[in-house]
Amino acid sequence: MCSWCWGFAPVAKALVEQAQAAGVELHLVVGGLRTGSGSALEPATRRYILEHWQAVTEATGQPFRLEGALPDGFVYDTEPACRALVTARGLAPDCAWNLLGLIQQAFYVEGRDVTRASVLVELAETAGVPRIEFAEAFDRAEQHAATAADFTWVQDLGIAGFPTLLAERNGQLALLTNGYQPLSELSPLLGRWLERAACG
């Protein structure tokens, strides 16, 4: 539920494929952009967010459904969507990236409320995660704790902007990007890192 992450989705997909082709293991970590407010969006905040979405679509070409988006009473809490990804990551790791795309598509293009467990269960099943297992695991204390641990890891690194891509080798992290950049900038950067990693 980060608009720049949705804008970045095609770039991320290409980079994921580039890394996988080189045999690099991928790990999806959720950052917790807007969690726990519990209150509905104020009209001024809604206007600001929709203007931001317009800027993202102009910069990236990714589609956004603006009409009817963020309706009155909507609580913009990213924790449930983040927890859905953490749950999928634990149950069916190969499905987590697919679920990420489905959540983004549902929220930004279809205008669906991805803060609701019922919507997330449906999307998880579509992504290939066993429905009953996901539904049973989603609200367990372990999933809340694992999601909070992701948030803490991100905060402890001082990451405040998304998307962020890190590369790790021998316990050392390298920042590939903090924020949106086009594939033309990032693919060569990742390529150089992969070459160095292959050399040991």
N, C-alpha and C. Protein backbone atom coordinates (compact mmCIF):
# COMPACT_ATOMS: atom_id res chain seq x y z
N MET A 1 0.83 -1.20 0.00
CA MET A 1 0.00 0.00 0.00
C MET A 1 0.87 1.26 0.00
N CYS A 2 1.95 1.19 -0.73
CA CYS A 2 2.85 2.34 -0.94
C CYS A 2 2.77 2.68 -2.42
N SER A 3 2.33 3.89 -2.72
CA SER A 3 2.08 4.22 -4.12
C SER A 3 3.35 4.19 -4.98
N TRP A 4 4.47 4.60 -4.42
CA TRP A 4 5.71 4.53 -5.20
C TRP A 4 6.13 3.08 -5.41
N CYS A 5 5.80 2.19 -4.46
CA CYS A 5 6.09 0.77 -4.65
C CYS A 5 5.25 0.20 -5.80
N TRP A 6 4.00 0.64 -5.89
CA TRP A 6 3.16 0.24 -7.02
C TRP A 6 3.74 0.81 -8.32
N GLY A 7 4.15 2.06 -8.29
CA GLY A 7 4.78 2.65 -9.47
C GLY A 7 6.04 1.90 -9.87
N PHE A 8 6.73 1.37 -8.87
CA PHE A 8 8.00 0.67 -9.06
C PHE A 8 7.81 -0.79 -9.47
N ALA A 9 6.57 -1.30 -9.39
CA ALA A 9 6.32 -2.73 -9.57
C ALA A 9 6.92 -3.31 -10.86
N PRO A 10 6.77 -2.67 -12.03
CA PRO A 10 7.37 -3.26 -13.23
C PRO A 10 8.90 -3.30 -13.16
N VAL A 11 9.49 -2.27 -12.55
CA VAL A 11 10.95 -2.23 -12.38
C VAL A 11 11.37 -3.36 -11.44
N ALA A 12 10.65 -3.49 -10.33
CA ALA A 12 10.97 -4.54 -9.36
C ALA A 12 10.87 -5.92 -10.00
N LYS A 13 9.84 -6.14 -10.80
CA LYS A 13 9.66 -7.44 -11.46
C LYS A 13 10.87 -7.76 -12.34
N ALA A 14 11.31 -6.78 -13.11
CA ALA A 14 12.46 -7.00 -14.00
C ALA A 14 13.74 -7.26 -13.19
N LEU A 15 13.91 -6.53 -12.08
CA LEU A 15 15.10 -6.72 -11.25
C LEU A 15 15.08 -8.08 -10.55
N VAL A 16 13.89 -8.49 -10.11
CA VAL A 16 13.74 -9.81 -9.49
C VAL A 16 14.14 -10.89 -10.49
N GLU A 17 13.67 -10.77 -11.72
CA GLU A 17 14.01 -11.75 -12.75
C GLU A 17 15.51 -11.75 -13.03
N GLN A 18 16.11 -10.56 -13.04
CA GLN A 18 17.55 -10.45 -13.28
C GLN A 18 18.34 -11.13 -12.15
N ALA A 19 17.93 -10.91 -10.91
CA ALA A 19 18.60 -11.51 -9.76
C ALA A 19 18.40 -13.03 -9.73
N GLN A 20 17.17 -13.46 -10.01
CA GLN A 20 16.89 -14.90 -10.01
C GLN A 20 17.68 -15.62 -11.09
N ALA A 21 17.83 -15.00 -12.25
CA ALA A 21 18.59 -15.61 -13.34
C ALA A 21 20.05 -15.83 -12.94
N ALA A 22 20.52 -15.00 -12.01
CA ALA A 22 21.90 -15.14 -11.52
C ALA A 22 21.98 -16.05 -10.29
N GLY A 23 20.84 -16.63 -9.91
CA GLY A 23 20.82 -17.55 -8.79
C GLY A 23 20.80 -16.90 -7.42
N VAL A 24 20.42 -15.62 -7.36
CA VAL A 24 20.39 -14.91 -6.09
C VAL A 24 19.06 -15.14 -5.39
N GLU A 25 19.14 -15.47 -4.12
CA GLU A 25 17.93 -15.67 -3.31
C GLU A 25 17.32 -14.31 -2.96
N LEU A 26 16.00 -14.25 -3.00
CA LEU A 26 15.29 -13.00 -2.73
C LEU A 26 14.52 -13.10 -1.42
N HIS A 27 14.43 -11.98 -0.72
CA HIS A 27 13.68 -11.95 0.54
C HIS A 27 12.86 -10.66 0.58
N LEU A 28 11.56 -10.81 0.70
CA LEU A 28 10.64 -9.68 0.76
C LEU A 28 10.44 -9.27 2.22
N VAL A 29 10.71 -8.01 2.52
CA VAL A 29 10.55 -7.48 3.87
C VAL A 29 9.54 -6.33 3.80
N VAL A 30 8.59 -6.30 4.75
CA VAL A 30 7.58 -5.25 4.76
C VAL A 30 8.01 -4.13 5.70
N GLY A 31 7.72 -2.90 5.28
CA GLY A 31 8.22 -1.74 6.01
C GLY A 31 7.25 -1.07 6.96
N GLY A 32 5.95 -1.29 6.77
CA GLY A 32 4.99 -0.66 7.69
C GLY A 32 4.87 0.84 7.48
N LEU A 33 4.55 1.23 6.27
CA LEU A 33 4.50 2.66 5.91
C LEU A 33 3.50 3.45 6.74
N ARG A 34 2.28 2.96 6.85
CA ARG A 34 1.22 3.66 7.61
C ARG A 34 0.49 2.63 8.45
N THR A 35 0.87 2.51 9.69
CA THR A 35 0.26 1.48 10.53
C THR A 35 -0.30 2.07 11.82
N GLY A 36 -1.40 1.48 12.27
CA GLY A 36 -1.91 1.71 13.60
C GLY A 36 -2.59 3.02 13.90
N SER A 37 -2.91 3.85 12.90
CA SER A 37 -3.55 5.12 13.23
C SER A 37 -4.96 4.89 13.77
N GLY A 38 -5.69 3.96 13.17
CA GLY A 38 -7.03 3.63 13.65
C GLY A 38 -8.10 4.65 13.34
N SER A 39 -7.71 5.78 12.75
CA SER A 39 -8.70 6.81 12.46
C SER A 39 -8.86 6.98 10.95
N ALA A 40 -10.06 7.37 10.56
CA ALA A 40 -10.35 7.55 9.14
C ALA A 40 -9.58 8.74 8.58
N LEU A 41 -9.32 8.68 7.27
CA LEU A 41 -8.61 9.78 6.62
C LEU A 41 -9.41 11.07 6.70
N GLU A 42 -8.71 12.15 6.99
CA GLU A 42 -9.32 13.49 6.90
C GLU A 42 -9.42 13.86 5.41
N PRO A 43 -10.42 14.69 5.04
CA PRO A 43 -10.55 15.08 3.63
C PRO A 43 -9.28 15.70 3.05
N ALA A 44 -8.57 16.52 3.83
CA ALA A 44 -7.35 17.15 3.32
C ALA A 44 -6.27 16.11 3.06
N THR A 45 -6.18 15.12 3.93
CA THR A 45 -5.19 14.06 3.75
C THR A 45 -5.53 13.23 2.52
N ARG A 46 -6.83 12.95 2.35
CA ARG A 46 -7.26 12.19 1.17
C ARG A 46 -6.88 12.94 -0.11
N ARG A 47 -7.14 14.24 -0.15
CA ARG A 47 -6.80 15.04 -1.34
C ARG A 47 -5.30 14.99 -1.61
N TYR A 48 -4.51 15.11 -0.55
CA TYR A 48 -3.05 15.08 -0.68
C TYR A 48 -2.59 13.74 -1.26
N ILE A 49 -3.14 12.64 -0.75
CA ILE A 49 -2.75 11.31 -1.20
C ILE A 49 -3.12 11.12 -2.67
N LEU A 50 -4.33 11.54 -3.05
CA LEU A 50 -4.76 11.37 -4.44
C LEU A 50 -3.91 12.21 -5.40
N GLU A 51 -3.49 13.40 -4.96
CA GLU A 51 -2.58 14.20 -5.78
C GLU A 51 -1.24 13.49 -5.93
N HIS A 52 -0.81 12.86 -4.85
CA HIS A 52 0.44 12.09 -4.87
C HIS A 52 0.32 10.93 -5.85
N TRP A 53 -0.81 10.21 -5.83
CA TRP A 53 -1.04 9.11 -6.76
C TRP A 53 -0.96 9.60 -8.20
N GLN A 54 -1.53 10.77 -8.45
CA GLN A 54 -1.49 11.34 -9.80
C GLN A 54 -0.05 11.58 -10.23
N ALA A 55 0.78 12.07 -9.30
CA ALA A 55 2.19 12.31 -9.61
C ALA A 55 2.91 11.00 -9.89
N VAL A 56 2.58 9.95 -9.15
CA VAL A 56 3.22 8.65 -9.36
C VAL A 56 2.86 8.10 -10.74
N THR A 57 1.59 8.21 -11.12
CA THR A 57 1.20 7.68 -12.43
C THR A 57 1.85 8.47 -13.55
N GLU A 58 2.00 9.78 -13.36
CA GLU A 58 2.67 10.61 -14.38
C GLU A 58 4.14 10.23 -14.51
N ALA A 59 4.78 9.90 -13.38
CA ALA A 59 6.21 9.57 -13.39
C ALA A 59 6.48 8.15 -13.86
N THR A 60 5.55 7.22 -13.60
CA THR A 60 5.84 5.80 -13.83
C THR A 60 4.98 5.15 -14.89
N GLY A 61 3.81 5.74 -15.18
CA GLY A 61 2.88 5.14 -16.12
C GLY A 61 1.97 4.07 -15.52
N GLN A 62 2.16 3.76 -14.23
CA GLN A 62 1.32 2.76 -13.59
C GLN A 62 -0.10 3.33 -13.39
N PRO A 63 -1.13 2.49 -13.61
CA PRO A 63 -2.51 2.98 -13.51
C PRO A 63 -2.98 3.10 -12.06
N PHE A 64 -3.78 4.10 -11.80
CA PHE A 64 -4.44 4.31 -10.51
C PHE A 64 -5.90 4.63 -10.78
N ARG A 65 -6.77 4.07 -9.97
CA ARG A 65 -8.19 4.42 -10.03
C ARG A 65 -8.41 5.52 -8.99
N LEU A 66 -8.61 6.73 -9.45
CA LEU A 66 -8.77 7.85 -8.53
C LEU A 66 -10.23 8.08 -8.14
N GLU A 67 -11.14 7.81 -9.07
CA GLU A 67 -12.56 8.03 -8.78
C GLU A 67 -13.05 7.03 -7.74
N GLY A 68 -13.55 7.55 -6.64
CA GLY A 68 -14.07 6.70 -5.58
C GLY A 68 -13.00 6.10 -4.68
N ALA A 69 -11.74 6.46 -4.91
CA ALA A 69 -10.66 5.91 -4.10
C ALA A 69 -10.68 6.50 -2.70
N LEU A 70 -10.23 5.72 -1.74
CA LEU A 70 -10.15 6.16 -0.34
C LEU A 70 -11.46 6.79 0.12
N PRO A 71 -12.55 6.02 0.13
CA PRO A 71 -13.88 6.57 0.45
C PRO A 71 -13.97 7.07 1.89
N ASP A 72 -15.00 7.85 2.17
CA ASP A 72 -15.23 8.36 3.52
C ASP A 72 -15.21 7.21 4.52
N GLY A 73 -14.51 7.42 5.61
CA GLY A 73 -14.44 6.42 6.65
C GLY A 73 -13.30 5.42 6.48
N PHE A 74 -12.55 5.51 5.35
CA PHE A 74 -11.48 4.56 5.12
C PHE A 74 -10.32 4.81 6.09
N VAL A 75 -9.87 3.74 6.74
CA VAL A 75 -8.71 3.81 7.63
C VAL A 75 -7.51 3.26 6.87
N TYR A 76 -6.57 4.12 6.56
CA TYR A 76 -5.41 3.76 5.74
C TYR A 76 -4.36 3.11 6.63
N ASP A 77 -4.54 1.82 6.87
CA ASP A 77 -3.64 1.05 7.74
C ASP A 77 -2.99 -0.04 6.90
N THR A 78 -1.66 0.03 6.74
CA THR A 78 -0.97 -0.93 5.90
C THR A 78 -0.61 -2.23 6.62
N GLU A 79 -0.83 -2.29 7.93
CA GLU A 79 -0.42 -3.48 8.69
C GLU A 79 -1.08 -4.76 8.20
N PRO A 80 -2.40 -4.80 7.94
CA PRO A 80 -2.99 -6.07 7.47
C PRO A 80 -2.38 -6.57 6.16
N ALA A 81 -2.17 -5.68 5.21
CA ALA A 81 -1.57 -6.09 3.94
C ALA A 81 -0.14 -6.57 4.14
N CYS A 82 0.60 -5.88 5.01
CA CYS A 82 1.97 -6.32 5.33
C CYS A 82 1.94 -7.71 5.98
N ARG A 83 1.01 -7.90 6.90
CA ARG A 83 0.91 -9.19 7.60
C ARG A 83 0.52 -10.30 6.63
N ALA A 84 -0.30 -9.97 5.64
CA ALA A 84 -0.66 -10.96 4.62
C ALA A 84 0.59 -11.42 3.87
N LEU A 85 1.48 -10.49 3.54
CA LEU A 85 2.71 -10.86 2.84
C LEU A 85 3.62 -11.70 3.72
N VAL A 86 3.72 -11.34 4.99
CA VAL A 86 4.54 -12.11 5.93
C VAL A 86 3.97 -13.52 6.09
N THR A 87 2.65 -13.61 6.17
CA THR A 87 1.98 -14.92 6.29
C THR A 87 2.25 -15.77 5.06
N ALA A 88 2.09 -15.17 3.89
CA ALA A 88 2.36 -15.89 2.63
C ALA A 88 3.82 -16.31 2.55
N ARG A 89 4.70 -15.43 2.98
CA ARG A 89 6.14 -15.71 2.95
C ARG A 89 6.47 -16.96 3.78
N GLY A 90 5.76 -17.12 4.89
CA GLY A 90 5.97 -18.27 5.75
C GLY A 90 5.35 -19.55 5.24
N LEU A 91 4.20 -19.43 4.61
CA LEU A 91 3.46 -20.62 4.15
C LEU A 91 3.88 -21.08 2.76
N ALA A 92 4.08 -20.13 1.86
CA ALA A 92 4.36 -20.45 0.46
C ALA A 92 5.27 -19.36 -0.11
N PRO A 93 6.57 -19.40 0.22
CA PRO A 93 7.48 -18.31 -0.15
C PRO A 93 7.45 -17.93 -1.62
N ASP A 94 7.26 -18.91 -2.49
CA ASP A 94 7.24 -18.61 -3.92
C ASP A 94 6.02 -17.80 -4.34
N CYS A 95 5.02 -17.73 -3.48
CA CYS A 95 3.78 -17.01 -3.81
C CYS A 95 3.76 -15.58 -3.27
N ALA A 96 4.71 -15.23 -2.41
CA ALA A 96 4.66 -13.92 -1.75
C ALA A 96 4.77 -12.76 -2.74
N TRP A 97 5.69 -12.87 -3.71
CA TRP A 97 5.83 -11.79 -4.68
C TRP A 97 4.57 -11.63 -5.53
N ASN A 98 3.95 -12.75 -5.89
CA ASN A 98 2.71 -12.70 -6.64
C ASN A 98 1.61 -12.03 -5.82
N LEU A 99 1.54 -12.37 -4.54
CA LEU A 99 0.54 -11.75 -3.67
C LEU A 99 0.77 -10.24 -3.56
N LEU A 100 2.01 -9.83 -3.47
CA LEU A 100 2.31 -8.40 -3.42
C LEU A 100 1.68 -7.68 -4.61
N GLY A 101 1.89 -8.21 -5.80
CA GLY A 101 1.32 -7.59 -7.00
C GLY A 101 -0.19 -7.59 -6.99
N LEU A 102 -0.79 -8.66 -6.50
CA LEU A 102 -2.25 -8.74 -6.45
C LEU A 102 -2.83 -7.73 -5.44
N ILE A 103 -2.18 -7.57 -4.31
CA ILE A 103 -2.64 -6.58 -3.32
C ILE A 103 -2.54 -5.17 -3.91
N GLN A 104 -1.42 -4.87 -4.55
CA GLN A 104 -1.26 -3.55 -5.16
C GLN A 104 -2.31 -3.30 -6.23
N GLN A 105 -2.52 -4.27 -7.10
CA GLN A 105 -3.51 -4.15 -8.17
C GLN A 105 -4.90 -3.94 -7.58
N ALA A 106 -5.24 -4.73 -6.55
CA ALA A 106 -6.57 -4.63 -5.94
C ALA A 106 -6.78 -3.25 -5.33
N PHE A 107 -5.78 -2.74 -4.67
CA PHE A 107 -5.92 -1.45 -3.97
C PHE A 107 -5.90 -0.27 -4.93
N TYR A 108 -4.90 -0.22 -5.78
CA TYR A 108 -4.70 0.98 -6.60
C TYR A 108 -5.53 1.01 -7.88
N VAL A 109 -5.80 -0.15 -8.46
CA VAL A 109 -6.50 -0.18 -9.74
C VAL A 109 -7.98 -0.55 -9.58
N GLU A 110 -8.24 -1.50 -8.67
CA GLU A 110 -9.62 -1.98 -8.51
C GLU A 110 -10.36 -1.27 -7.38
N GLY A 111 -9.67 -0.50 -6.57
CA GLY A 111 -10.31 0.24 -5.49
C GLY A 111 -10.84 -0.64 -4.36
N ARG A 112 -10.23 -1.81 -4.17
CA ARG A 112 -10.70 -2.73 -3.12
C ARG A 112 -10.05 -2.38 -1.78
N ASP A 113 -10.75 -2.74 -0.70
CA ASP A 113 -10.26 -2.44 0.65
C ASP A 113 -9.37 -3.59 1.11
N VAL A 114 -8.06 -3.43 0.91
CA VAL A 114 -7.12 -4.50 1.25
C VAL A 114 -6.70 -4.43 2.73
N THR A 115 -7.44 -3.68 3.53
CA THR A 115 -7.24 -3.75 4.98
C THR A 115 -8.13 -4.84 5.57
N ARG A 116 -9.06 -5.39 4.76
CA ARG A 116 -10.00 -6.41 5.24
C ARG A 116 -9.44 -7.81 5.04
N ALA A 117 -9.53 -8.61 6.10
CA ALA A 117 -9.00 -9.97 6.06
C ALA A 117 -9.64 -10.80 4.96
N SER A 118 -10.94 -10.64 4.74
CA SER A 118 -11.62 -11.44 3.72
C SER A 118 -11.05 -11.19 2.33
N VAL A 119 -10.72 -9.94 2.04
CA VAL A 119 -10.13 -9.59 0.75
C VAL A 119 -8.73 -10.18 0.64
N LEU A 120 -7.96 -10.11 1.71
CA LEU A 120 -6.60 -10.62 1.71
C LEU A 120 -6.56 -12.14 1.57
N VAL A 121 -7.51 -12.82 2.20
CA VAL A 121 -7.61 -14.28 2.06
C VAL A 121 -7.88 -14.64 0.60
N GLU A 122 -8.79 -13.93 -0.02
CA GLU A 122 -9.12 -14.20 -1.43
C GLU A 122 -7.91 -13.96 -2.32
N LEU A 123 -7.20 -12.86 -2.09
CA LEU A 123 -6.03 -12.54 -2.91
C LEU A 123 -4.91 -13.56 -2.69
N ALA A 124 -4.74 -14.00 -1.44
CA ALA A 124 -3.72 -15.00 -1.14
C ALA A 124 -4.01 -16.30 -1.89
N GLU A 125 -5.27 -16.70 -1.90
CA GLU A 125 -5.64 -17.92 -2.62
C GLU A 125 -5.35 -17.76 -4.11
N THR A 126 -5.69 -16.60 -4.66
CA THR A 126 -5.41 -16.34 -6.08
C THR A 126 -3.91 -16.41 -6.36
N ALA A 127 -3.11 -15.98 -5.38
CA ALA A 127 -1.65 -16.01 -5.53
C ALA A 127 -1.06 -17.40 -5.42
N GLY A 128 -1.89 -18.36 -4.96
CA GLY A 128 -1.41 -19.73 -4.85
C GLY A 128 -1.17 -20.21 -3.44
N VAL A 129 -1.51 -19.39 -2.44
CA VAL A 129 -1.36 -19.80 -1.05
C VAL A 129 -2.60 -20.59 -0.65
N PRO A 130 -2.45 -21.75 -0.02
CA PRO A 130 -3.63 -22.53 0.38
C PRO A 130 -4.56 -21.69 1.26
N ARG A 131 -5.82 -21.56 0.85
CA ARG A 131 -6.77 -20.65 1.48
C ARG A 131 -6.96 -20.94 2.97
N ILE A 132 -7.23 -22.18 3.32
CA ILE A 132 -7.53 -22.51 4.72
C ILE A 132 -6.31 -22.26 5.60
N GLU A 133 -5.15 -22.68 5.13
CA GLU A 133 -3.93 -22.46 5.91
C GLU A 133 -3.67 -20.98 6.11
N PHE A 134 -3.85 -20.19 5.06
CA PHE A 134 -3.62 -18.75 5.16
C PHE A 134 -4.61 -18.13 6.13
N ALA A 135 -5.90 -18.45 5.98
CA ALA A 135 -6.94 -17.87 6.84
C ALA A 135 -6.69 -18.20 8.31
N GLU A 136 -6.23 -19.42 8.57
CA GLU A 136 -5.97 -19.82 9.95
C GLU A 136 -4.73 -19.13 10.51
N ALA A 137 -3.73 -18.93 9.68
CA ALA A 137 -2.46 -18.36 10.16
C ALA A 137 -2.49 -16.85 10.26
N PHE A 138 -3.28 -16.18 9.41
CA PHE A 138 -3.21 -14.74 9.23
C PHE A 138 -3.32 -13.95 10.54
N ASP A 139 -4.21 -14.34 11.43
CA ASP A 139 -4.44 -13.54 12.63
C ASP A 139 -3.77 -14.13 13.87
N ARG A 140 -2.88 -15.10 13.69
CA ARG A 140 -2.17 -15.67 14.83
C ARG A 140 -1.14 -14.68 15.37
N ALA A 141 -0.86 -14.83 16.66
CA ALA A 141 0.11 -13.95 17.31
C ALA A 141 1.47 -14.00 16.63
N GLU A 142 1.85 -15.19 16.14
CA GLU A 142 3.16 -15.32 15.49
C GLU A 142 3.27 -14.44 14.25
N GLN A 143 2.16 -14.30 13.51
CA GLN A 143 2.20 -13.46 12.31
C GLN A 143 2.28 -11.99 12.67
N HIS A 144 1.56 -11.60 13.73
CA HIS A 144 1.66 -10.21 14.20
C HIS A 144 3.10 -9.93 14.63
N ALA A 145 3.71 -10.87 15.34
CA ALA A 145 5.07 -10.68 15.83
C ALA A 145 6.07 -10.65 14.69
N ALA A 146 5.90 -11.54 13.71
CA ALA A 146 6.83 -11.57 12.57
C ALA A 146 6.72 -10.29 11.75
N THR A 147 5.51 -9.77 11.62
CA THR A 147 5.31 -8.52 10.88
C THR A 147 5.96 -7.36 11.63
N ALA A 148 5.75 -7.31 12.94
CA ALA A 148 6.37 -6.26 13.76
C ALA A 148 7.89 -6.36 13.69
N ALA A 149 8.42 -7.59 13.61
CA ALA A 149 9.87 -7.78 13.51
C ALA A 149 10.41 -7.21 12.20
N ASP A 150 9.67 -7.39 11.11
CA ASP A 150 10.06 -6.77 9.84
C ASP A 150 10.10 -5.25 9.99
N PHE A 151 9.06 -4.68 10.58
CA PHE A 151 9.00 -3.22 10.75
C PHE A 151 10.22 -2.74 11.55
N THR A 152 10.54 -3.45 12.62
CA THR A 152 11.66 -3.07 13.48
C THR A 152 12.98 -3.16 12.72
N TRP A 153 13.16 -4.22 11.93
CA TRP A 153 14.39 -4.39 11.16
C TRP A 153 14.58 -3.21 10.21
N VAL A 154 13.50 -2.83 9.53
CA VAL A 154 13.55 -1.71 8.58
C VAL A 154 13.87 -0.41 9.33
N GLN A 155 13.20 -0.17 10.44
CA GLN A 155 13.43 1.05 11.22
C GLN A 155 14.85 1.11 11.76
N ASP A 156 15.36 -0.04 12.23
CA ASP A 156 16.71 -0.09 12.79
C ASP A 156 17.78 0.23 11.74
N LEU A 157 17.48 -0.06 10.48
CA LEU A 157 18.40 0.29 9.40
C LEU A 157 18.28 1.77 9.00
N GLY A 158 17.28 2.44 9.55
CA GLY A 158 17.08 3.85 9.23
C GLY A 158 16.38 4.08 7.90
N ILE A 159 15.70 3.04 7.40
CA ILE A 159 14.98 3.17 6.12
C ILE A 159 13.67 3.89 6.37
N ALA A 160 13.49 5.02 5.72
CA ALA A 160 12.26 5.79 5.89
C ALA A 160 11.48 5.93 4.60
N GLY A 161 12.07 5.56 3.47
CA GLY A 161 11.39 5.70 2.19
C GLY A 161 11.28 4.36 1.48
N PHE A 162 10.26 4.26 0.65
CA PHE A 162 10.01 3.02 -0.07
C PHE A 162 9.72 3.35 -1.53
N PRO A 163 10.05 2.42 -2.43
CA PRO A 163 10.66 1.12 -2.20
C PRO A 163 12.15 1.25 -1.88
N THR A 164 12.67 0.27 -1.16
CA THR A 164 14.10 0.18 -0.90
C THR A 164 14.57 -1.20 -1.31
N LEU A 165 15.66 -1.25 -2.06
CA LEU A 165 16.26 -2.52 -2.46
C LEU A 165 17.66 -2.59 -1.87
N LEU A 166 17.91 -3.68 -1.17
CA LEU A 166 19.21 -3.93 -0.59
C LEU A 166 19.77 -5.21 -1.17
N ALA A 167 21.06 -5.25 -1.34
CA ALA A 167 21.75 -6.48 -1.75
C ALA A 167 22.65 -6.89 -0.58
N GLU A 168 22.67 -8.19 -0.30
CA GLU A 168 23.45 -8.68 0.84
C GLU A 168 24.44 -9.73 0.38
N ARG A 169 25.69 -9.56 0.82
CA ARG A 169 26.73 -10.54 0.53
C ARG A 169 27.64 -10.65 1.74
N ASN A 170 27.80 -11.86 2.24
CA ASN A 170 28.66 -12.11 3.40
C ASN A 170 28.27 -11.24 4.60
N GLY A 171 26.97 -11.06 4.77
CA GLY A 171 26.48 -10.28 5.90
C GLY A 171 26.54 -8.78 5.72
N GLN A 172 27.06 -8.32 4.60
CA GLN A 172 27.17 -6.88 4.34
C GLN A 172 26.04 -6.45 3.41
N LEU A 173 25.36 -5.35 3.78
CA LEU A 173 24.26 -4.84 2.97
C LEU A 173 24.73 -3.70 2.07
N ALA A 174 24.27 -3.71 0.84
CA ALA A 174 24.53 -2.62 -0.10
C ALA A 174 23.20 -2.05 -0.54
N LEU A 175 23.09 -0.74 -0.55
CA LEU A 175 21.85 -0.07 -0.96
C LEU A 175 21.83 0.06 -2.48
N LEU A 176 20.82 -0.55 -3.11
CA LEU A 176 20.64 -0.40 -4.56
C LEU A 176 19.76 0.81 -4.87
N THR A 177 18.68 0.97 -4.09
CA THR A 177 17.86 2.18 -4.22
C THR A 177 17.01 2.38 -2.98
N ASN A 178 16.80 3.64 -2.66
CA ASN A 178 15.84 4.04 -1.65
C ASN A 178 14.94 5.05 -2.34
N GLY A 179 13.80 4.56 -2.83
CA GLY A 179 12.91 5.40 -3.61
C GLY A 179 12.89 4.93 -5.06
N TYR A 180 11.96 5.48 -5.81
CA TYR A 180 11.77 5.06 -7.20
C TYR A 180 12.94 5.50 -8.06
N GLN A 181 13.40 4.58 -8.90
CA GLN A 181 14.33 4.88 -9.98
C GLN A 181 13.94 4.00 -11.17
N PRO A 182 14.19 4.45 -12.37
CA PRO A 182 13.82 3.64 -13.54
C PRO A 182 14.74 2.43 -13.70
N LEU A 183 14.26 1.45 -14.44
CA LEU A 183 15.03 0.24 -14.68
C LEU A 183 16.36 0.55 -15.36
N SER A 184 16.37 1.54 -16.23
CA SER A 184 17.60 1.89 -16.95
C SER A 184 18.72 2.29 -16.00
N GLU A 185 18.37 2.81 -14.83
CA GLU A 185 19.36 3.17 -13.82
C GLU A 185 19.75 1.97 -12.96
N LEU A 186 18.76 1.17 -12.60
CA LEU A 186 18.98 0.13 -11.59
C LEU A 186 19.51 -1.18 -12.16
N SER A 187 19.12 -1.54 -13.37
CA SER A 187 19.56 -2.82 -13.92
C SER A 187 21.09 -2.88 -14.06
N PRO A 188 21.75 -1.84 -14.58
CA PRO A 188 23.22 -1.89 -14.64
C PRO A 188 23.86 -1.93 -13.25
N LEU A 189 23.25 -1.22 -12.30
CA LEU A 189 23.76 -1.21 -10.93
C LEU A 189 23.69 -2.62 -10.33
N LEU A 190 22.53 -3.26 -10.50
CA LEU A 190 22.38 -4.63 -10.01
C LEU A 190 23.34 -5.56 -10.75
N GLY A 191 23.50 -5.35 -12.05
CA GLY A 191 24.41 -6.17 -12.83
C GLY A 191 25.84 -6.10 -12.30
N ARG A 192 26.30 -4.89 -11.95
CA ARG A 192 27.66 -4.74 -11.42
C ARG A 192 27.78 -5.46 -10.07
N TRP A 193 26.74 -5.34 -9.24
CA TRP A 193 26.78 -6.01 -7.94
C TRP A 193 26.81 -7.54 -8.13
N LEU A 194 26.02 -8.03 -9.07
CA LEU A 194 26.00 -9.48 -9.34
C LEU A 194 27.35 -9.96 -9.83
N GLU A 195 28.01 -9.17 -10.67
CA GLU A 195 29.33 -9.54 -11.16
C GLU A 195 30.34 -9.62 -10.02
N ARG A 196 30.32 -8.63 -9.13
CA ARG A 196 31.23 -8.64 -7.98
C ARG A 196 30.92 -9.81 -7.06
N ALA A 197 29.63 -10.08 -6.87
CA ALA A 197 29.24 -11.19 -6.00
C ALA A 197 29.71 -12.52 -6.59
N ALA A 198 29.64 -12.65 -7.90
CA ALA A 198 30.06 -13.89 -8.56
C ALA A 198 31.57 -14.10 -8.43
N CYS A 199 32.30 -13.01 -8.31
CA CYS A 199 33.77 -13.10 -8.19
C CYS A 199 34.21 -13.43 -6.77
N GLY A 200 33.23 -13.48 -5.85
CA GLY A 200 33.56 -13.85 -4.48
C GLY A 200 33.72 -12.65 -3.60
